[in-house]
Amino acid sequence: MTKKRRLGRGLEALLGSPIDEAPEYDDDSGDDVATLAPPKPAPRPAAAPSPEAEPEAHANGALLLIGVHEIAENPFQPRREFNEPEIASLAESLREHDMLQPVLVRAVGDGYQLISGERRLRAAILAGWTTVPARLREADDRLVAELAIVENLQRKDLNPIEKAISFRQYLEQHQCSQEDLAKRLTIDRSTIANLVRLLELPEDAQRALREGRITAGHARALLPLGDEHEQLSFCHSIEHEGWSVRETERQVQQKIRDESPLPDNGSSAVKKKGAPVSQQVASLEQEIRIAVGSKVDIRQTAKGRGKIILHFTSHEEFERLHAVLTDTQELSQRAG
C-alpha cells in the first residue's frame, strides 16, 4: 500500500511560510488562471522599479517590480524541457488577466536570481512584458536547491528523470546521504532512492521514460536485469508489444530464472569459483535479486554458516541498497 505524504513541510518550518504566497494559483499546474482572474487591469508599465523603491529592495519578503531580463535563471532548476504550447497559453492568460502570483527571487550580487516561477517568467517574456512582480526571499544555495526540488516534486508533468537529476545534483553538491536529504525535505527516503536509481538505466531507456514511451514503473522493473543490452531489449518490447508493468516484472523475473537455472532433483550446481550451490540456495539468490534489484551470491558452509553478498557498481546504487535494506516496508512491497 502506498502512503501519500505531504512534501516540503520541513522547508515551511525553515521559511516560516509556504513557498508560494497565493494558494489560488500554482505555477506548477498546467491550468490557466482565467477562471480565477479579476477584471482586466491597465497595461503593465514598461519602466523598471523607481529609485524610491531601492531602500527596501533587499528586504526579505519585499514585493518588487523587476525587469524580466534582470532575473537570472535558477541554476538548480531540474526541468530541462518546457511545453511551448502551455507557455503560449499562459502568456495569453497573462495578457488578459495579469499575473496573480509573483515569481520568487533572491538577490545575487547586483541583480536577482529566480527561485521559482520559471513558467510565469517565460510566459511574461513571450507576452511582451518588460517587468514582472517578484517576491524577494533570502536563501542560500542549499535552500534554493531544496526549494527547487520540492517545487518540482509537486509537479505532475515533470518527468521522473528530471526529478532524479535534481536529487543526484543535490546529493553530489552537498555531499550528503539520501537519508539526510529525505529528513530535510520530510519525504520518504525510498522516494529518493527509487528515483535516483532510474539514472542507472542506459541513456536510450532514460530517453524513453522522459518522452513518456515507458512509465517509471516499467523503468524500475528493468533495473534487476543489470545488463544494458537486456534492458534496452525489454524496453523495446514494452513499447512495441504493449507490456503492462506487471507483465514486464513477470518477464524480467523469468529472464533472471532462466539465467540462473535451479539444480534438478536436489543435485548440486557449481558456481564459477567451484563452490557448490544447492537448489534451495539458488532459489533464494533469485528471490533476493528480484526483491532488491541487485546481483546476489549466497555462500554457505557445511556447518550452516555463510554470508549473503550484494553487488553494487556505484555509490548511488549502494545508497539505494542501504535504503531498501533498512526500510522493511519498502522491502516487503518489492518482494510482494
Protein backbone atom coordinates (compact mmCIF):
# COMPACT_ATOMS: atom_id res chain seq x y z
CA MET A 1 0.00 0.00 0.00
CA THR A 2 1.37 3.39 -1.00
CA LYS A 3 1.15 6.21 1.52
CA LYS A 4 0.77 9.74 0.24
CA ARG A 5 2.80 12.22 2.23
CA ARG A 6 2.78 15.96 2.07
CA LEU A 7 6.01 17.33 0.67
CA GLY A 8 8.02 20.28 1.87
CA ARG A 9 6.76 20.70 5.44
CA GLY A 10 10.32 20.74 6.69
CA LEU A 11 11.05 23.68 4.42
CA GLU A 12 7.99 25.53 5.63
CA ALA A 13 9.48 25.37 9.11
CA LEU A 14 12.68 26.91 7.77
CA LEU A 15 10.95 29.62 5.76
CA GLY A 16 8.09 30.40 8.10
CA SER A 17 5.56 30.31 5.23
CA PRO A 18 4.71 28.22 2.15
CA ILE A 19 6.88 28.52 -0.92
CA ASP A 20 4.20 30.41 -2.80
CA GLU A 21 2.15 33.10 -1.12
CA ALA A 22 -1.07 32.88 -3.11
CA PRO A 23 -2.75 29.47 -2.89
CA GLU A 24 -5.29 30.17 -5.58
CA TYR A 25 -2.73 29.86 -8.38
CA ASP A 26 0.02 27.30 -8.62
CA ASP A 27 2.67 27.84 -11.27
CA ASP A 28 3.32 24.13 -11.32
CA SER A 29 -0.07 23.18 -12.60
CA GLY A 30 -0.82 23.31 -16.27
CA ASP A 31 -4.02 25.30 -15.66
CA ASP A 32 -4.72 28.78 -16.92
CA VAL A 33 -5.86 31.42 -14.46
CA ALA A 34 -8.82 32.74 -16.47
CA THR A 35 -11.47 31.38 -14.10
CA LEU A 36 -9.73 32.94 -11.11
CA ALA A 37 -8.88 36.28 -12.67
CA PRO A 38 -10.07 39.73 -11.57
CA PRO A 39 -11.22 42.38 -14.06
CA LYS A 40 -8.62 43.20 -16.68
CA PRO A 41 -6.06 45.70 -15.29
CA ALA A 42 -4.36 48.55 -17.05
CA PRO A 43 -1.39 47.60 -19.28
CA ARG A 44 1.76 46.73 -17.36
CA PRO A 45 4.23 49.62 -17.17
CA ALA A 46 7.48 49.16 -19.08
CA ALA A 47 9.66 51.03 -16.60
CA ALA A 48 11.89 49.38 -14.04
CA PRO A 49 11.26 49.99 -10.31
CA SER A 50 11.68 53.61 -9.31
CA PRO A 51 14.72 54.80 -7.30
CA GLU A 52 12.45 55.38 -4.32
CA ALA A 53 11.95 51.64 -4.05
CA GLU A 54 15.67 50.93 -3.66
CA PRO A 55 15.90 51.26 0.16
CA GLU A 56 13.74 48.16 0.68
CA ALA A 57 14.88 46.32 -2.45
CA HIS A 58 16.82 43.79 -0.39
CA ALA A 59 14.27 43.41 2.43
CA ASN A 60 13.18 39.80 2.85
CA GLY A 61 9.61 39.39 1.58
CA ALA A 62 9.60 42.67 -0.35
CA LEU A 63 7.35 42.80 -3.41
CA LEU A 64 9.23 44.37 -6.33
CA LEU A 65 8.71 45.15 -9.99
CA ILE A 66 11.79 43.80 -11.78
CA GLY A 67 12.87 43.86 -15.41
CA VAL A 68 12.36 40.42 -16.98
CA HIS A 69 15.93 40.36 -18.28
CA GLU A 70 17.38 41.31 -14.90
CA ILE A 71 16.39 37.94 -13.43
CA ALA A 72 18.96 35.19 -13.93
CA GLU A 73 17.79 31.58 -14.28
CA ASN A 74 17.79 29.19 -11.34
CA PRO A 75 20.96 27.05 -11.62
CA PHE A 76 19.28 24.31 -9.59
CA GLN A 77 16.23 24.03 -11.84
CA PRO A 78 15.98 20.36 -12.83
CA ARG A 79 13.45 20.99 -15.56
CA ARG A 80 15.06 20.97 -18.99
CA GLU A 81 12.01 20.81 -21.24
CA PHE A 82 9.13 23.28 -21.28
CA ASN A 83 5.87 22.74 -23.14
CA GLU A 84 5.80 25.63 -25.58
CA PRO A 85 2.01 25.50 -26.26
CA GLU A 86 1.41 25.67 -22.49
CA ILE A 87 3.74 28.66 -22.18
CA ALA A 88 1.92 30.36 -25.07
CA SER A 89 -1.45 29.68 -23.41
CA LEU A 90 -0.18 31.09 -20.12
CA ALA A 91 1.18 34.16 -21.95
CA GLU A 92 -2.26 34.81 -23.43
CA SER A 93 -3.80 34.45 -19.97
CA LEU A 94 -1.30 36.97 -18.58
CA ARG A 95 -2.22 39.46 -21.31
CA GLU A 96 -5.87 39.15 -20.40
CA HIS A 97 -5.77 38.81 -16.63
CA ASP A 98 -2.37 39.92 -15.31
CA MET A 99 -0.17 37.80 -13.01
CA LEU A 100 -1.92 36.81 -9.80
CA GLN A 101 1.14 35.37 -8.10
CA PRO A 102 4.61 36.97 -8.23
CA VAL A 103 7.68 34.97 -9.12
CA LEU A 104 10.09 34.23 -6.27
CA VAL A 105 13.64 35.61 -6.48
CA ARG A 106 16.71 36.19 -4.35
CA ALA A 107 19.27 38.97 -4.51
CA VAL A 108 22.60 37.86 -6.01
CA GLY A 109 25.29 40.48 -6.34
CA ASP A 110 23.81 43.50 -8.11
CA GLY A 111 20.98 41.51 -9.64
CA TYR A 112 18.37 38.84 -8.97
CA GLN A 113 18.15 35.09 -9.44
CA LEU A 114 14.96 33.11 -9.93
CA ILE A 115 13.92 30.67 -7.19
CA SER A 116 10.52 29.59 -8.53
CA GLY A 117 8.08 30.67 -11.21
CA GLU A 118 10.03 29.99 -14.40
CA ARG A 119 6.90 29.21 -16.41
CA ARG A 120 5.40 32.55 -15.43
CA LEU A 121 8.60 34.38 -16.27
CA ARG A 122 8.87 32.71 -19.68
CA ALA A 123 5.21 33.47 -20.39
CA ALA A 124 5.65 37.11 -19.35
CA ILE A 125 8.57 37.49 -21.77
CA LEU A 126 6.51 35.86 -24.53
CA ALA A 127 3.64 38.21 -23.73
CA GLY A 128 5.93 41.18 -24.29
CA TRP A 129 6.18 42.29 -20.67
CA THR A 130 9.29 44.21 -19.69
CA THR A 131 8.79 43.82 -15.92
CA VAL A 132 7.21 41.25 -13.62
CA PRO A 133 6.11 41.34 -9.97
CA ALA A 134 8.60 39.43 -7.83
CA ARG A 135 8.74 38.47 -4.17
CA LEU A 136 12.22 38.70 -2.65
CA ARG A 137 13.40 35.82 -0.46
CA GLU A 138 16.62 35.41 1.48
CA ALA A 139 18.07 31.98 0.66
CA ASP A 140 21.49 30.39 0.27
CA ASP A 141 22.37 27.91 -2.48
CA ARG A 142 21.38 24.89 -0.42
CA LEU A 143 17.95 26.24 0.43
CA VAL A 144 17.34 27.30 -3.18
CA ALA A 145 18.22 23.77 -4.30
CA GLU A 146 15.80 22.31 -1.75
CA LEU A 147 13.04 24.70 -2.82
CA ALA A 148 13.59 23.70 -6.45
CA ILE A 149 13.33 20.03 -5.52
CA VAL A 150 10.12 20.48 -3.52
CA GLU A 151 8.55 22.63 -6.23
CA ASN A 152 9.34 20.05 -8.89
CA LEU A 153 8.33 17.03 -6.82
CA GLN A 154 4.85 18.54 -6.69
CA ARG A 155 4.68 18.90 -10.47
CA LYS A 156 2.52 16.35 -12.22
CA ASP A 157 4.13 16.88 -15.62
CA LEU A 158 7.79 16.79 -14.58
CA ASN A 159 9.27 13.52 -15.79
CA PRO A 160 10.96 11.12 -13.33
CA ILE A 161 14.39 11.53 -14.92
CA GLU A 162 14.37 15.28 -14.29
CA LYS A 163 13.37 14.67 -10.68
CA ALA A 164 16.13 12.07 -10.33
CA ILE A 165 18.71 14.50 -11.72
CA SER A 166 17.70 17.14 -9.19
CA PHE A 167 18.22 14.63 -6.36
CA ARG A 168 21.59 13.48 -7.65
CA GLN A 169 22.78 17.03 -8.22
CA TYR A 170 21.89 17.95 -4.65
CA LEU A 171 23.50 14.83 -3.14
CA GLU A 172 26.74 15.40 -5.04
CA GLN A 173 26.95 19.14 -4.45
CA HIS A 174 26.25 19.00 -0.72
CA GLN A 175 27.92 15.64 -0.04
CA CYS A 176 25.02 14.29 1.98
CA SER A 177 23.27 10.93 2.09
CA GLN A 178 19.84 10.13 0.75
CA GLU A 179 18.66 9.76 4.35
CA ASP A 180 19.87 13.29 5.18
CA LEU A 181 18.08 14.76 2.19
CA ALA A 182 14.89 12.86 2.98
CA LYS A 183 14.89 14.32 6.50
CA ARG A 184 15.43 17.86 5.23
CA LEU A 185 12.55 17.56 2.76
CA THR A 186 10.34 15.44 5.05
CA ILE A 187 9.76 12.77 2.42
CA ASP A 188 10.31 9.02 2.33
CA ARG A 189 13.88 8.00 1.67
CA SER A 190 12.58 5.34 -0.72
CA THR A 191 11.20 8.13 -2.94
CA ILE A 192 14.72 9.47 -3.39
CA ALA A 193 16.30 6.02 -3.77
CA ASN A 194 13.81 4.82 -6.36
CA LEU A 195 14.13 7.96 -8.48
CA VAL A 196 17.93 8.19 -8.36
CA ARG A 197 18.18 4.54 -9.29
CA LEU A 198 16.49 5.27 -12.63
CA LEU A 199 19.71 7.02 -13.67
CA GLU A 200 21.39 3.59 -13.70
CA LEU A 201 19.43 2.75 -16.86
CA PRO A 202 21.10 3.20 -20.27
CA GLU A 203 20.54 6.56 -21.93
CA ASP A 204 18.09 5.22 -24.54
CA ALA A 205 15.88 3.77 -21.79
CA GLN A 206 16.04 7.07 -19.89
CA ARG A 207 15.03 8.88 -23.08
CA ALA A 208 12.03 6.57 -23.49
CA LEU A 209 10.99 7.42 -19.93
CA ARG A 210 11.46 11.18 -20.48
CA GLU A 211 9.36 11.03 -23.64
CA GLY A 212 6.60 9.01 -21.97
CA ARG A 213 7.08 5.89 -24.10
CA ILE A 214 7.51 3.86 -20.92
CA THR A 215 6.45 4.64 -17.35
CA ALA A 216 8.50 4.87 -14.17
CA GLY A 217 7.02 1.51 -13.14
CA HIS A 218 8.31 -0.07 -16.36
CA ALA A 219 11.72 1.54 -15.81
CA ARG A 220 12.04 0.23 -12.25
CA ALA A 221 11.09 -3.25 -13.42
CA LEU A 222 14.04 -3.24 -15.85
CA LEU A 223 16.66 -2.48 -13.21
CA PRO A 224 17.17 -6.02 -11.81
CA LEU A 225 18.33 -7.17 -15.26
CA GLY A 226 21.60 -5.29 -14.79
CA ASP A 227 22.79 -5.81 -18.37
CA GLU A 228 22.24 -2.74 -20.59
CA HIS A 229 21.57 -4.75 -23.75
CA GLU A 230 18.88 -6.77 -22.00
CA GLN A 231 17.33 -3.63 -20.51
CA LEU A 232 17.13 -2.00 -23.95
CA SER A 233 15.69 -5.18 -25.47
CA PHE A 234 12.98 -5.29 -22.82
CA CYS A 235 12.35 -1.56 -23.25
CA HIS A 236 11.75 -2.18 -26.96
CA SER A 237 9.28 -4.95 -26.12
CA ILE A 238 7.41 -2.68 -23.70
CA GLU A 239 6.97 -0.08 -26.43
CA HIS A 240 6.11 -2.38 -29.32
CA GLU A 241 4.25 -5.18 -27.57
CA GLY A 242 2.41 -3.01 -25.07
CA TRP A 243 3.57 -4.80 -21.93
CA SER A 244 1.99 -3.63 -18.69
CA VAL A 245 4.19 -3.01 -15.66
CA ARG A 246 3.11 -6.34 -14.15
CA GLU A 247 3.87 -8.19 -17.38
CA THR A 248 7.27 -6.52 -17.54
CA GLU A 249 8.01 -7.62 -13.98
CA ARG A 250 6.95 -11.17 -14.84
CA GLN A 251 9.16 -11.23 -17.94
CA VAL A 252 12.15 -9.85 -16.00
CA GLN A 253 11.73 -12.44 -13.23
CA GLN A 254 11.51 -15.21 -15.82
CA LYS A 255 14.66 -13.93 -17.51
CA ILE A 256 16.53 -13.97 -14.19
CA ARG A 257 15.38 -17.53 -13.52
CA ASP A 258 16.44 -18.62 -16.99
CA GLU A 259 19.89 -17.12 -16.48
CA SER A 260 20.35 -18.97 -13.18
CA PRO A 261 18.52 -22.28 -13.59
CA LEU A 262 17.92 -24.24 -10.40
CA PRO A 263 19.62 -27.63 -9.98
CA ASP A 264 17.34 -30.54 -10.85
CA ASN A 265 16.18 -33.08 -8.25
CA GLY A 266 18.17 -31.56 -5.41
CA SER A 267 21.53 -32.10 -7.11
CA SER A 268 24.29 -29.54 -6.71
CA ALA A 269 25.26 -26.88 -9.24
CA VAL A 270 28.71 -25.32 -9.34
CA LYS A 271 29.48 -21.61 -9.26
CA LYS A 272 32.28 -20.10 -11.31
CA LYS A 273 34.73 -20.39 -8.42
CA GLY A 274 33.89 -24.06 -7.89
CA ALA A 275 31.68 -23.65 -4.81
CA PRO A 276 28.65 -25.95 -4.95
CA VAL A 277 25.21 -24.38 -4.65
CA SER A 278 22.04 -26.24 -3.74
CA GLN A 279 18.65 -25.78 -5.34
CA GLN A 280 17.44 -24.02 -2.22
CA VAL A 281 20.34 -21.56 -2.22
CA ALA A 282 19.96 -20.84 -5.95
CA SER A 283 16.25 -20.20 -5.44
CA LEU A 284 16.98 -17.82 -2.56
CA GLU A 285 19.51 -15.94 -4.69
CA GLN A 286 16.86 -15.42 -7.36
CA GLU A 287 14.27 -14.23 -4.84
CA ILE A 288 16.63 -11.75 -3.19
CA ARG A 289 17.87 -10.43 -6.55
CA ILE A 290 14.31 -9.76 -7.64
CA ALA A 291 13.48 -8.15 -4.28
CA VAL A 292 16.45 -5.79 -4.04
CA GLY A 293 17.29 -5.41 -7.72
CA SER A 294 20.94 -6.39 -7.47
CA LYS A 295 23.11 -9.43 -8.20
CA VAL A 296 23.27 -11.69 -5.14
CA ASP A 297 25.59 -14.50 -4.06
CA ILE A 298 24.90 -16.76 -1.08
CA ARG A 299 27.85 -18.67 0.34
CA GLN A 300 27.16 -21.42 2.87
CA THR A 301 29.42 -23.92 4.63
CA ALA A 302 28.59 -27.49 5.54
CA LYS A 303 28.09 -26.36 9.15
CA GLY A 304 25.34 -23.97 8.13
CA ARG A 305 27.33 -20.75 8.41
CA GLY A 306 27.62 -18.41 5.45
CA LYS A 307 27.14 -14.95 4.03
CA ILE A 308 24.99 -13.05 1.56
CA ILE A 309 26.88 -10.87 -0.92
CA LEU A 310 25.09 -7.97 -2.63
CA HIS A 311 26.87 -6.47 -5.62
CA PHE A 312 26.80 -2.74 -6.39
CA THR A 313 28.58 -0.73 -9.07
CA SER A 314 28.35 2.83 -7.78
CA HIS A 315 27.89 4.92 -4.65
CA GLU A 316 24.33 5.70 -5.74
CA GLU A 317 23.50 2.02 -6.04
CA PHE A 318 24.96 1.39 -2.58
CA GLU A 319 22.76 4.17 -1.17
CA ARG A 320 19.75 2.56 -2.82
CA LEU A 321 20.55 -0.86 -1.39
CA HIS A 322 21.07 0.68 2.03
CA ALA A 323 17.67 2.39 1.77
CA VAL A 324 15.94 -0.83 0.72
CA LEU A 325 17.56 -2.98 3.39
CA THR A 326 16.80 -0.57 6.22
CA ASP A 327 13.21 0.09 5.18
CA THR A 328 11.26 -3.07 5.99
CA GLN A 329 8.03 -1.76 4.48
CA GLU A 330 9.73 -0.94 1.19
CA LEU A 331 11.46 -4.31 1.08
CA SER A 332 8.21 -6.18 1.74
CA GLN A 333 6.46 -4.22 -1.03
CA ARG A 334 9.22 -5.02 -3.52
CA ALA A 335 9.26 -8.71 -2.53
CA GLY A 336 5.48 -8.90 -2.85
